[in-house]
Full PDB file with SEQRES, HELIX, SHEET, SSBOND, CRYST1, ORIGX, SCALE, CONECT and MASTER records, all heavy atoms in Angstrom:
SEQRES   1 A   36  GLY GLU LYS GLN GLY GLU THR TYR LEU SER PHE GLY TYR          
SEQRES   2 A   36  PRO TYR LEU GLU ALA PRO TYR THR TYR LYS ARG LYS LEU          
SEQRES   3 A   36  THR LEU ALA PRO GLN SER GLN ALA PHE ALA                      
SHEET    1 AA1 2 GLU A   2  LYS A   3  0                                        
SHEET    2 AA1 2 GLU A   6  THR A   7 -1                                        
SHEET    1 AA2 2 LEU A  16  ARG A  24  0                                        
SHEET    2 AA2 2 THR A  27  GLN A  33 -1                                        
CRYST1    1.000    1.000    1.000  90.00  90.00  90.00 P 1           1          
ORIGX1      1.000000  0.000000  0.000000        0.00000                         
ORIGX2      0.000000  1.000000  0.000000        0.00000                         
ORIGX3      0.000000  0.000000  1.000000        0.00000                         
SCALE1      1.000000  0.000000  0.000000        0.00000                         
SCALE2      0.000000  1.000000  0.000000        0.00000                         
SCALE3      0.000000  0.000000  1.000000        0.00000                         
ATOM      1  N   GLY A   1    -116.163  53.623-214.277  1.00  0.00           N  
ATOM      2  CA  GLY A   1    -115.875  52.199-214.272  1.00  0.00           C  
ATOM      3  C   GLY A   1    -114.821  51.826-215.290  1.00  0.00           C  
ATOM      4  O   GLY A   1    -114.226  52.687-215.962  1.00  0.00           O  
ATOM      5  N   GLU A   2    -114.606  50.535-215.402  1.00  0.00           N  
ATOM      6  CA  GLU A   2    -113.568  49.986-216.278  1.00  0.00           C  
ATOM      7  C   GLU A   2    -114.167  48.879-217.119  1.00  0.00           C  
ATOM      8  O   GLU A   2    -114.931  48.044-216.633  1.00  0.00           O  
ATOM      9  CB  GLU A   2    -112.415  49.445-215.426  1.00  0.00           C  
ATOM     10  CG  GLU A   2    -111.293  48.813-216.223  1.00  0.00           C  
ATOM     11  CD  GLU A   2    -111.451  47.305-216.361  1.00  0.00           C  
ATOM     12  OE1 GLU A   2    -112.174  46.705-215.542  1.00  0.00           O  
ATOM     13  OE2 GLU A   2    -110.852  46.743-217.300  1.00  0.00           O  
ATOM     14  N   LYS A   3    -113.881  48.911-218.410  1.00  0.00           N  
ATOM     15  CA  LYS A   3    -114.340  47.879-219.333  1.00  0.00           C  
ATOM     16  C   LYS A   3    -113.200  47.564-220.295  1.00  0.00           C  
ATOM     17  O   LYS A   3    -112.728  48.458-221.006  1.00  0.00           O  
ATOM     18  CB  LYS A   3    -115.574  48.361-220.097  1.00  0.00           C  
ATOM     19  CG  LYS A   3    -116.124  47.343-221.096  1.00  0.00           C  
ATOM     20  CD  LYS A   3    -116.742  46.150-220.404  1.00  0.00           C  
ATOM     21  CE  LYS A   3    -117.437  45.247-221.407  1.00  0.00           C  
ATOM     22  NZ  LYS A   3    -118.029  44.052-220.760  1.00  0.00           N  
ATOM     23  N   GLN A   4    -112.730  46.318-220.257  1.00  0.00           N  
ATOM     24  CA  GLN A   4    -111.641  45.872-221.121  1.00  0.00           C  
ATOM     25  C   GLN A   4    -110.433  46.786-221.024  1.00  0.00           C  
ATOM     26  O   GLN A   4    -109.807  47.144-222.020  1.00  0.00           O  
ATOM     27  CB  GLN A   4    -112.139  45.776-222.569  1.00  0.00           C  
ATOM     28  CG  GLN A   4    -113.243  44.741-222.745  1.00  0.00           C  
ATOM     29  CD  GLN A   4    -113.787  44.683-224.152  1.00  0.00           C  
ATOM     30  OE1 GLN A   4    -113.564  45.594-224.943  1.00  0.00           O  
ATOM     31  NE2 GLN A   4    -114.501  43.616-224.463  1.00  0.00           N  
ATOM     32  N   GLY A   5    -110.118  47.185-219.780  1.00  0.00           N  
ATOM     33  CA  GLY A   5    -108.923  47.970-219.520  1.00  0.00           C  
ATOM     34  C   GLY A   5    -109.071  49.449-219.756  1.00  0.00           C  
ATOM     35  O   GLY A   5    -108.118  50.210-219.514  1.00  0.00           O  
ATOM     36  N   GLU A   6    -110.238  49.911-220.215  1.00  0.00           N  
ATOM     37  CA  GLU A   6    -110.428  51.336-220.487  1.00  0.00           C  
ATOM     38  C   GLU A   6    -111.494  51.914-219.561  1.00  0.00           C  
ATOM     39  O   GLU A   6    -112.396  51.216-219.100  1.00  0.00           O  
ATOM     40  CB  GLU A   6    -110.797  51.554-221.954  1.00  0.00           C  
ATOM     41  CG  GLU A   6    -109.647  51.186-222.888  1.00  0.00           C  
ATOM     42  CD  GLU A   6    -109.989  51.429-224.341  1.00  0.00           C  
ATOM     43  OE1 GLU A   6    -111.154  51.202-224.726  1.00  0.00           O  
ATOM     44  OE2 GLU A   6    -109.089  51.829-225.091  1.00  0.00           O  
ATOM     45  N   THR A   7    -111.379  53.214-219.325  1.00  0.00           N  
ATOM     46  CA  THR A   7    -112.243  53.912-218.372  1.00  0.00           C  
ATOM     47  C   THR A   7    -113.501  54.433-219.045  1.00  0.00           C  
ATOM     48  O   THR A   7    -113.473  54.880-220.189  1.00  0.00           O  
ATOM     49  CB  THR A   7    -111.470  55.093-217.759  1.00  0.00           C  
ATOM     50  OG1 THR A   7    -110.412  54.582-216.952  1.00  0.00           O  
ATOM     51  CG2 THR A   7    -112.367  55.969-216.912  1.00  0.00           C  
ATOM     52  N   TYR A   8    -114.609  54.377-218.312  1.00  0.00           N  
ATOM     53  CA  TYR A   8    -115.819  55.086-218.735  1.00  0.00           C  
ATOM     54  C   TYR A   8    -116.351  55.898-217.556  1.00  0.00           C  
ATOM     55  O   TYR A   8    -116.080  55.607-216.389  1.00  0.00           O  
ATOM     56  CB  TYR A   8    -116.890  54.122-219.252  1.00  0.00           C  
ATOM     57  CG  TYR A   8    -117.471  53.166-218.232  1.00  0.00           C  
ATOM     58  CD1 TYR A   8    -118.459  53.578-217.335  1.00  0.00           C  
ATOM     59  CD2 TYR A   8    -117.066  51.840-218.181  1.00  0.00           C  
ATOM     60  CE1 TYR A   8    -119.015  52.699-216.415  1.00  0.00           C  
ATOM     61  CE2 TYR A   8    -117.619  50.951-217.269  1.00  0.00           C  
ATOM     62  CZ  TYR A   8    -118.585  51.386-216.385  1.00  0.00           C  
ATOM     63  OH  TYR A   8    -119.133  50.525-215.475  1.00  0.00           O  
ATOM     64  N   LEU A   9    -117.080  56.953-217.879  1.00  0.00           N  
ATOM     65  CA  LEU A   9    -117.842  57.708-216.894  1.00  0.00           C  
ATOM     66  C   LEU A   9    -119.314  57.344-217.069  1.00  0.00           C  
ATOM     67  O   LEU A   9    -119.737  56.931-218.155  1.00  0.00           O  
ATOM     68  CB  LEU A   9    -117.646  59.215-217.081  1.00  0.00           C  
ATOM     69  CG  LEU A   9    -116.211  59.731-216.921  1.00  0.00           C  
ATOM     70  CD1 LEU A   9    -116.172  61.250-217.112  1.00  0.00           C  
ATOM     71  CD2 LEU A   9    -115.608  59.343-215.578  1.00  0.00           C  
ATOM     72  N   SER A  10    -120.092  57.500-216.014  1.00  0.00           N  
ATOM     73  CA  SER A  10    -121.513  57.165-216.086  1.00  0.00           C  
ATOM     74  C   SER A  10    -122.343  58.223-215.379  1.00  0.00           C  
ATOM     75  O   SER A  10    -121.862  58.921-214.478  1.00  0.00           O  
ATOM     76  CB  SER A  10    -121.777  55.789-215.473  1.00  0.00           C  
ATOM     77  OG  SER A  10    -121.438  55.773-214.092  1.00  0.00           O  
ATOM     78  N   PHE A  11    -123.586  58.352-215.813  1.00  0.00           N  
ATOM     79  CA  PHE A  11    -124.512  59.281-215.169  1.00  0.00           C  
ATOM     80  C   PHE A  11    -125.931  58.802-215.435  1.00  0.00           C  
ATOM     81  O   PHE A  11    -126.194  58.101-216.429  1.00  0.00           O  
ATOM     82  CB  PHE A  11    -124.308  60.713-215.668  1.00  0.00           C  
ATOM     83  CG  PHE A  11    -124.351  60.876-217.163  1.00  0.00           C  
ATOM     84  CD1 PHE A  11    -125.519  61.225-217.823  1.00  0.00           C  
ATOM     85  CD2 PHE A  11    -123.202  60.693-217.922  1.00  0.00           C  
ATOM     86  CE1 PHE A  11    -125.554  61.379-219.202  1.00  0.00           C  
ATOM     87  CE2 PHE A  11    -123.220  60.852-219.306  1.00  0.00           C  
ATOM     88  CZ  PHE A  11    -124.402  61.194-219.948  1.00  0.00           C  
ATOM     89  N   GLY A  12    -126.848  59.149-214.549  1.00  0.00           N  
ATOM     90  CA  GLY A  12    -128.204  58.666-214.724  1.00  0.00           C  
ATOM     91  C   GLY A  12    -129.198  59.331-213.811  1.00  0.00           C  
ATOM     92  O   GLY A  12    -128.848  60.093-212.910  1.00  0.00           O  
ATOM     93  N   TYR A  13    -130.471  59.013-214.064  1.00  0.00           N  
ATOM     94  CA  TYR A  13    -131.573  59.549-213.264  1.00  0.00           C  
ATOM     95  C   TYR A  13    -132.703  58.534-213.241  1.00  0.00           C  
ATOM     96  O   TYR A  13    -133.025  57.948-214.267  1.00  0.00           O  
ATOM     97  CB  TYR A  13    -132.074  60.872-213.844  1.00  0.00           C  
ATOM     98  CG  TYR A  13    -133.329  61.343-213.158  1.00  0.00           C  
ATOM     99  CD1 TYR A  13    -133.252  62.074-211.974  1.00  0.00           C  
ATOM    100  CD2 TYR A  13    -134.591  61.022-213.657  1.00  0.00           C  
ATOM    101  CE1 TYR A  13    -134.400  62.476-211.318  1.00  0.00           C  
ATOM    102  CE2 TYR A  13    -135.746  61.417-213.001  1.00  0.00           C  
ATOM    103  CZ  TYR A  13    -135.642  62.141-211.828  1.00  0.00           C  
ATOM    104  OH  TYR A  13    -136.770  62.530-211.167  1.00  0.00           O  
ATOM    105  N   PRO A  14    -133.398  58.375-212.059  1.00  0.00           N  
ATOM    106  CA  PRO A  14    -132.892  58.811-210.756  1.00  0.00           C  
ATOM    107  C   PRO A  14    -131.652  57.994-210.389  1.00  0.00           C  
ATOM    108  O   PRO A  14    -131.045  57.397-211.270  1.00  0.00           O  
ATOM    109  CB  PRO A  14    -134.070  58.571-209.816  1.00  0.00           C  
ATOM    110  CG  PRO A  14    -134.880  57.492-210.470  1.00  0.00           C  
ATOM    111  CD  PRO A  14    -134.680  57.664-211.959  1.00  0.00           C  
ATOM    112  N   TYR A  15    -131.300  57.936-209.157  1.00  0.00           N  
ATOM    113  CA  TYR A  15    -129.971  57.447-208.823  1.00  0.00           C  
ATOM    114  C   TYR A  15    -129.866  55.918-208.838  1.00  0.00           C  
ATOM    115  O   TYR A  15    -130.806  55.172-208.590  1.00  0.00           O  
ATOM    116  CB  TYR A  15    -129.520  57.980-207.460  1.00  0.00           C  
ATOM    117  CG  TYR A  15    -130.478  57.722-206.316  1.00  0.00           C  
ATOM    118  CD1 TYR A  15    -130.490  56.514-205.637  1.00  0.00           C  
ATOM    119  CD2 TYR A  15    -131.367  58.705-205.909  1.00  0.00           C  
ATOM    120  CE1 TYR A  15    -131.362  56.277-204.590  1.00  0.00           C  
ATOM    121  CE2 TYR A  15    -132.254  58.489-204.867  1.00  0.00           C  
ATOM    122  CZ  TYR A  15    -132.248  57.276-204.220  1.00  0.00           C  
ATOM    123  OH  TYR A  15    -133.123  57.050-203.185  1.00  0.00           O  
ATOM    124  N   LEU A  16    -128.653  55.505-209.135  1.00  0.00           N  
ATOM    125  CA  LEU A  16    -128.225  54.116-209.014  1.00  0.00           C  
ATOM    126  C   LEU A  16    -126.979  54.115-208.147  1.00  0.00           C  
ATOM    127  O   LEU A  16    -126.022  54.843-208.443  1.00  0.00           O  
ATOM    128  CB  LEU A  16    -127.905  53.530-210.391  1.00  0.00           C  
ATOM    129  CG  LEU A  16    -127.156  52.188-210.408  1.00  0.00           C  
ATOM    130  CD1 LEU A  16    -128.055  51.063-209.895  1.00  0.00           C  
ATOM    131  CD2 LEU A  16    -126.650  51.871-211.815  1.00  0.00           C  
ATOM    132  N   GLU A  17    -126.988  53.372-207.046  1.00  0.00           N  
ATOM    133  CA  GLU A  17    -125.780  53.216-206.219  1.00  0.00           C  
ATOM    134  C   GLU A  17    -125.311  51.781-206.367  1.00  0.00           C  
ATOM    135  O   GLU A  17    -125.983  50.847-205.921  1.00  0.00           O  
ATOM    136  CB  GLU A  17    -126.080  53.556-204.758  1.00  0.00           C  
ATOM    137  CG  GLU A  17    -126.351  55.030-204.545  1.00  0.00           C  
ATOM    138  CD  GLU A  17    -125.726  55.559-203.270  1.00  0.00           C  
ATOM    139  OE1 GLU A  17    -126.182  55.163-202.190  1.00  0.00           O  
ATOM    140  OE2 GLU A  17    -124.781  56.363-203.358  1.00  0.00           O  
ATOM    141  N   ALA A  18    -124.150  51.632-206.983  1.00  0.00           N  
ATOM    142  CA  ALA A  18    -123.665  50.294-207.312  1.00  0.00           C  
ATOM    143  C   ALA A  18    -122.135  50.300-207.339  1.00  0.00           C  
ATOM    144  O   ALA A  18    -121.523  51.331-207.601  1.00  0.00           O  
ATOM    145  CB  ALA A  18    -124.223  49.864-208.671  1.00  0.00           C  
ATOM    146  N   PRO A  19    -121.494  49.191-207.039  1.00  0.00           N  
ATOM    147  CA  PRO A  19    -122.090  47.901-206.705  1.00  0.00           C  
ATOM    148  C   PRO A  19    -122.611  47.832-205.265  1.00  0.00           C  
ATOM    149  O   PRO A  19    -123.219  46.833-204.877  1.00  0.00           O  
ATOM    150  CB  PRO A  19    -120.936  46.921-206.886  1.00  0.00           C  
ATOM    151  CG  PRO A  19    -119.727  47.732-206.555  1.00  0.00           C  
ATOM    152  CD  PRO A  19    -120.019  49.111-207.081  1.00  0.00           C  
ATOM    153  N   TYR A  20    -122.368  48.899-204.486  1.00  0.00           N  
ATOM    154  CA  TYR A  20    -122.850  48.936-203.105  1.00  0.00           C  
ATOM    155  C   TYR A  20    -123.401  50.316-202.790  1.00  0.00           C  
ATOM    156  O   TYR A  20    -123.035  51.313-203.406  1.00  0.00           O  
ATOM    157  CB  TYR A  20    -121.717  48.631-202.108  1.00  0.00           C  
ATOM    158  CG  TYR A  20    -121.061  47.286-202.299  1.00  0.00           C  
ATOM    159  CD1 TYR A  20    -119.812  47.193-202.895  1.00  0.00           C  
ATOM    160  CD2 TYR A  20    -121.689  46.115-201.885  1.00  0.00           C  
ATOM    161  CE1 TYR A  20    -119.194  45.962-203.082  1.00  0.00           C  
ATOM    162  CE2 TYR A  20    -121.090  44.880-202.062  1.00  0.00           C  
ATOM    163  CZ  TYR A  20    -119.838  44.809-202.658  1.00  0.00           C  
ATOM    164  OH  TYR A  20    -119.242  43.588-202.845  1.00  0.00           O  
ATOM    165  N   THR A  21    -124.262  50.370-201.801  1.00  0.00           N  
ATOM    166  CA  THR A  21    -124.687  51.621-201.185  1.00  0.00           C  
ATOM    167  C   THR A  21    -123.848  51.838-199.937  1.00  0.00           C  
ATOM    168  O   THR A  21    -123.749  50.944-199.090  1.00  0.00           O  
ATOM    169  CB  THR A  21    -126.175  51.555-200.794  1.00  0.00           C  
ATOM    170  OG1 THR A  21    -126.961  51.417-201.971  1.00  0.00           O  
ATOM    171  CG2 THR A  21    -126.604  52.810-200.054  1.00  0.00           C  
ATOM    172  N   TYR A  22    -123.230  53.010-199.830  1.00  0.00           N  
ATOM    173  CA  TYR A  22    -122.408  53.318-198.650  1.00  0.00           C  
ATOM    174  C   TYR A  22    -123.295  54.035-197.642  1.00  0.00           C  
ATOM    175  O   TYR A  22    -123.519  55.232-197.724  1.00  0.00           O  
ATOM    176  CB  TYR A  22    -121.222  54.180-199.045  1.00  0.00           C  
ATOM    177  CG  TYR A  22    -120.190  54.357-197.954  1.00  0.00           C  
ATOM    178  CD1 TYR A  22    -119.808  53.286-197.149  1.00  0.00           C  
ATOM    179  CD2 TYR A  22    -119.586  55.578-197.734  1.00  0.00           C  
ATOM    180  CE1 TYR A  22    -118.856  53.437-196.154  1.00  0.00           C  
ATOM    181  CE2 TYR A  22    -118.621  55.742-196.748  1.00  0.00           C  
ATOM    182  CZ  TYR A  22    -118.265  54.669-195.959  1.00  0.00           C  
ATOM    183  OH  TYR A  22    -117.307  54.823-194.962  1.00  0.00           O  
ATOM    184  N   LYS A  23    -123.814  53.291-196.677  1.00  0.00           N  
ATOM    185  CA  LYS A  23    -124.875  53.843-195.830  1.00  0.00           C  
ATOM    186  C   LYS A  23    -124.404  54.284-194.459  1.00  0.00           C  
ATOM    187  O   LYS A  23    -125.095  55.032-193.770  1.00  0.00           O  
ATOM    188  CB  LYS A  23    -125.995  52.825-195.663  1.00  0.00           C  
ATOM    189  CG  LYS A  23    -125.625  51.598-194.832  1.00  0.00           C  
ATOM    190  CD  LYS A  23    -126.855  50.731-194.590  1.00  0.00           C  
ATOM    191  CE  LYS A  23    -126.556  49.595-193.621  1.00  0.00           C  
ATOM    192  NZ  LYS A  23    -127.749  48.783-193.342  1.00  0.00           N  
ATOM    193  N   ARG A  24    -123.236  53.811-194.030  1.00  0.00           N  
ATOM    194  CA  ARG A  24    -122.729  54.122-192.703  1.00  0.00           C  
ATOM    195  C   ARG A  24    -121.225  53.901-192.712  1.00  0.00           C  
ATOM    196  O   ARG A  24    -120.709  53.204-193.571  1.00  0.00           O  
ATOM    197  CB  ARG A  24    -123.397  53.219-191.658  1.00  0.00           C  
ATOM    198  CG  ARG A  24    -123.154  53.647-190.220  1.00  0.00           C  
ATOM    199  CD  ARG A  24    -123.973  52.803-189.258  1.00  0.00           C  
ATOM    200  NE  ARG A  24    -123.719  53.192-187.879  1.00  0.00           N  
ATOM    201  CZ  ARG A  24    -124.283  52.606-186.833  1.00  0.00           C  
ATOM    202  NH1 ARG A  24    -125.153  51.620-187.022  1.00  0.00           N  
ATOM    203  NH2 ARG A  24    -124.004  53.007-185.614  1.00  0.00           N  
ATOM    204  N   LYS A  25    -120.516  54.497-191.774  1.00  0.00           N  
ATOM    205  CA  LYS A  25    -119.066  54.413-191.778  1.00  0.00           C  
ATOM    206  C   LYS A  25    -118.593  52.957-191.879  1.00  0.00           C  
ATOM    207  O   LYS A  25    -118.967  52.116-191.066  1.00  0.00           O  
ATOM    208  CB  LYS A  25    -118.497  55.059-190.513  1.00  0.00           C  
ATOM    209  CG  LYS A  25    -116.966  55.052-190.464  1.00  0.00           C  
ATOM    210  CD  LYS A  25    -116.463  55.734-189.215  1.00  0.00           C  
ATOM    211  CE  LYS A  25    -114.943  55.659-189.153  1.00  0.00           C  
ATOM    212  NZ  LYS A  25    -114.404  56.300-187.936  1.00  0.00           N  
ATOM    213  N   LEU A  26    -117.793  52.692-192.916  1.00  0.00           N  
ATOM    214  CA  LEU A  26    -117.203  51.379-193.173  1.00  0.00           C  
ATOM    215  C   LEU A  26    -118.259  50.285-193.286  1.00  0.00           C  
ATOM    216  O   LEU A  26    -118.039  49.152-192.880  1.00  0.00           O  
ATOM    217  CB  LEU A  26    -116.163  51.035-192.093  1.00  0.00           C  
ATOM    218  CG  LEU A  26    -115.029  52.057-191.913  1.00  0.00           C  
ATOM    219  CD1 LEU A  26    -114.028  51.562-190.878  1.00  0.00           C  
ATOM    220  CD2 LEU A  26    -114.346  52.350-193.223  1.00  0.00           C  
ATOM    221  N   THR A  27    -119.416  50.648-193.843  1.00  0.00           N  
ATOM    222  CA  THR A  27    -120.515  49.694-194.017  1.00  0.00           C  
ATOM    223  C   THR A  27    -121.056  49.792-195.441  1.00  0.00           C  
ATOM    224  O   THR A  27    -121.716  50.771-195.796  1.00  0.00           O  
ATOM    225  CB  THR A  27    -121.650  49.972-193.016  1.00  0.00           C  
ATOM    226  OG1 THR A  27    -121.130  49.947-191.689  1.00  0.00           O  
ATOM    227  CG2 THR A  27    -122.735  48.915-193.144  1.00  0.00           C  
ATOM    228  N   LEU A  28    -120.754  48.787-196.249  1.00  0.00           N  
ATOM    229  CA  LEU A  28    -121.250  48.718-197.615  1.00  0.00           C  
ATOM    230  C   LEU A  28    -122.479  47.808-197.657  1.00  0.00           C  
ATOM    231  O   LEU A  28    -122.395  46.628-197.332  1.00  0.00           O  
ATOM    232  CB  LEU A  28    -120.164  48.187-198.550  1.00  0.00           C  
ATOM    233  CG  LEU A  28    -118.939  49.086-198.730  1.00  0.00           C  
ATOM    234  CD1 LEU A  28    -117.845  48.353-199.490  1.00  0.00           C  
ATOM    235  CD2 LEU A  28    -119.307  50.378-199.448  1.00  0.00           C  
ATOM    236  N   ALA A  29    -123.606  48.377-198.038  1.00  0.00           N  
ATOM    237  CA  ALA A  29    -124.857  47.628-198.144  1.00  0.00           C  
ATOM    238  C   ALA A  29    -125.080  47.227-199.608  1.00  0.00           C  
ATOM    239  O   ALA A  29    -124.402  47.731-200.506  1.00  0.00           O  
ATOM    240  CB  ALA A  29    -126.011  48.487-197.643  1.00  0.00           C  
ATOM    241  N   PRO A  30    -126.047  46.339-199.858  1.00  0.00           N  
ATOM    242  CA  PRO A  30    -126.349  45.994-201.247  1.00  0.00           C  
ATOM    243  C   PRO A  30    -126.705  47.227-202.069  1.00  0.00           C  
ATOM    244  O   PRO A  30    -127.156  48.242-201.534  1.00  0.00           O  
ATOM    245  CB  PRO A  30    -127.547  45.046-201.108  1.00  0.00           C  
ATOM    246  CG  PRO A  30    -127.392  44.442-199.753  1.00  0.00           C  
ATOM    247  CD  PRO A  30    -126.822  45.532-198.898  1.00  0.00           C  
ATOM    248  N   GLN A  31    -126.514  47.134-203.376  1.00  0.00           N  
ATOM    249  CA  GLN A  31    -126.751  48.280-204.246  1.00  0.00           C  
ATOM    250  C   GLN A  31    -128.214  48.703-204.195  1.00  0.00           C  
ATOM    251  O   GLN A  31    -129.100  47.933-203.823  1.00  0.00           O  
ATOM    252  CB  GLN A  31    -126.330  47.977-205.674  1.00  0.00           C  
ATOM    253  CG  GLN A  31    -127.318  47.190-206.496  1.00  0.00           C  
ATOM    254  CD  GLN A  31    -126.928  47.193-207.968  1.00  0.00           C  
ATOM    255  OE1 GLN A  31    -125.780  46.964-208.326  1.00  0.00           O  
ATOM    256  NE2 GLN A  31    -127.888  47.452-208.833  1.00  0.00           N  
ATOM    257  N   SER A  32    -128.464  49.945-204.583  1.00  0.00           N  
ATOM    258  CA  SER A  32    -129.828  50.475-204.615  1.00  0.00           C  
ATOM    259  C   SER A  32    -130.074  51.148-205.954  1.00  0.00           C  
ATOM    260  O   SER A  32    -129.176  51.765-206.527  1.00  0.00           O  
ATOM    261  CB  SER A  32    -130.055  51.473-203.473  1.00  0.00           C  
ATOM    262  OG  SER A  32    -129.152  52.558-203.567  1.00  0.00           O  
ATOM    263  N   GLN A  33    -131.282  51.011-206.444  1.00  0.00           N  
ATOM    264  CA  GLN A  33    -131.677  51.645-207.695  1.00  0.00           C  
ATOM    265  C   GLN A  33    -133.060  52.240-207.509  1.00  0.00           C  
ATOM    266  O   GLN A  33    -134.016  51.535-207.185  1.00  0.00           O  
ATOM    267  CB  GLN A  33    -131.675  50.641-208.849  1.00  0.00           C  
ATOM    268  CG  GLN A  33    -131.938  51.277-210.204  1.00  0.00           C  
ATOM    269  CD  GLN A  33    -131.738  50.295-211.349  1.00  0.00           C  
ATOM    270  OE1 GLN A  33    -131.851  49.088-211.170  1.00  0.00           O  
ATOM    271  NE2 GLN A  33    -131.452  50.800-212.542  1.00  0.00           N  
ATOM    272  N   ALA A  34    -133.157  53.561-207.688  1.00  0.00           N  
ATOM    273  CA  ALA A  34    -134.427  54.263-207.508  1.00  0.00           C  
ATOM    274  C   ALA A  34    -135.149  54.393-208.846  1.00  0.00           C  
ATOM    275  O   ALA A  34    -134.514  54.512-209.903  1.00  0.00           O  
ATOM    276  CB  ALA A  34    -134.181  55.641-206.905  1.00  0.00           C  
ATOM    277  N   PHE A  35    -136.480  54.382-208.774  1.00  0.00           N  
ATOM    278  CA  PHE A  35    -137.303  54.524-209.968  1.00  0.00           C  
ATOM    279  C   PHE A  35    -138.252  55.704-209.777  1.00  0.00           C  
ATOM    280  O   PHE A  35    -138.977  55.770-208.785  1.00  0.00           O  
ATOM    281  CB  PHE A  35    -138.092  53.236-210.235  1.00  0.00           C  
ATOM    282  CG  PHE A  35    -137.230  52.103-210.696  1.00  0.00           C  
ATOM    283  CD1 PHE A  35    -136.506  51.350-209.783  1.00  0.00           C  
ATOM    284  CD2 PHE A  35    -137.114  51.811-212.043  1.00  0.00           C  
ATOM    285  CE1 PHE A  35    -135.685  50.309-210.201  1.00  0.00           C  
ATOM    286  CE2 PHE A  35    -136.298  50.776-212.476  1.00  0.00           C  
ATOM    287  CZ  PHE A  35    -135.579  50.024-211.559  1.00  0.00           C  
ATOM    288  N   ALA A  36    -138.196  56.632-210.729  1.00  0.00           N  
ATOM    289  CA  ALA A  36    -139.111  57.771-210.729  1.00  0.00           C  
ATOM    290  C   ALA A  36    -140.353  57.417-211.540  1.00  0.00           C  
ATOM    291  O   ALA A  36    -140.301  56.582-212.445  1.00  0.00           O  
ATOM    292  CB  ALA A  36    -138.422  58.995-211.311  1.00  0.00           C  
TER     293      ALA A  36                                                      
MASTER        0    0    0    0    4    0    0    6  292    1    0    3          
END                                                                             
C-alpha cells in the first residue's frame, strides 16, 4: 500500500482481502477478513 507517498508491504494471518475480494472475473466484492 501507500501512506503519505511512500510504499509499505503488509502480511498477516489469517487472511485479509482488502479493499475488495476478487471472487470472479472482473467482479470485485466487498472485502473479507477471516478469524482463526
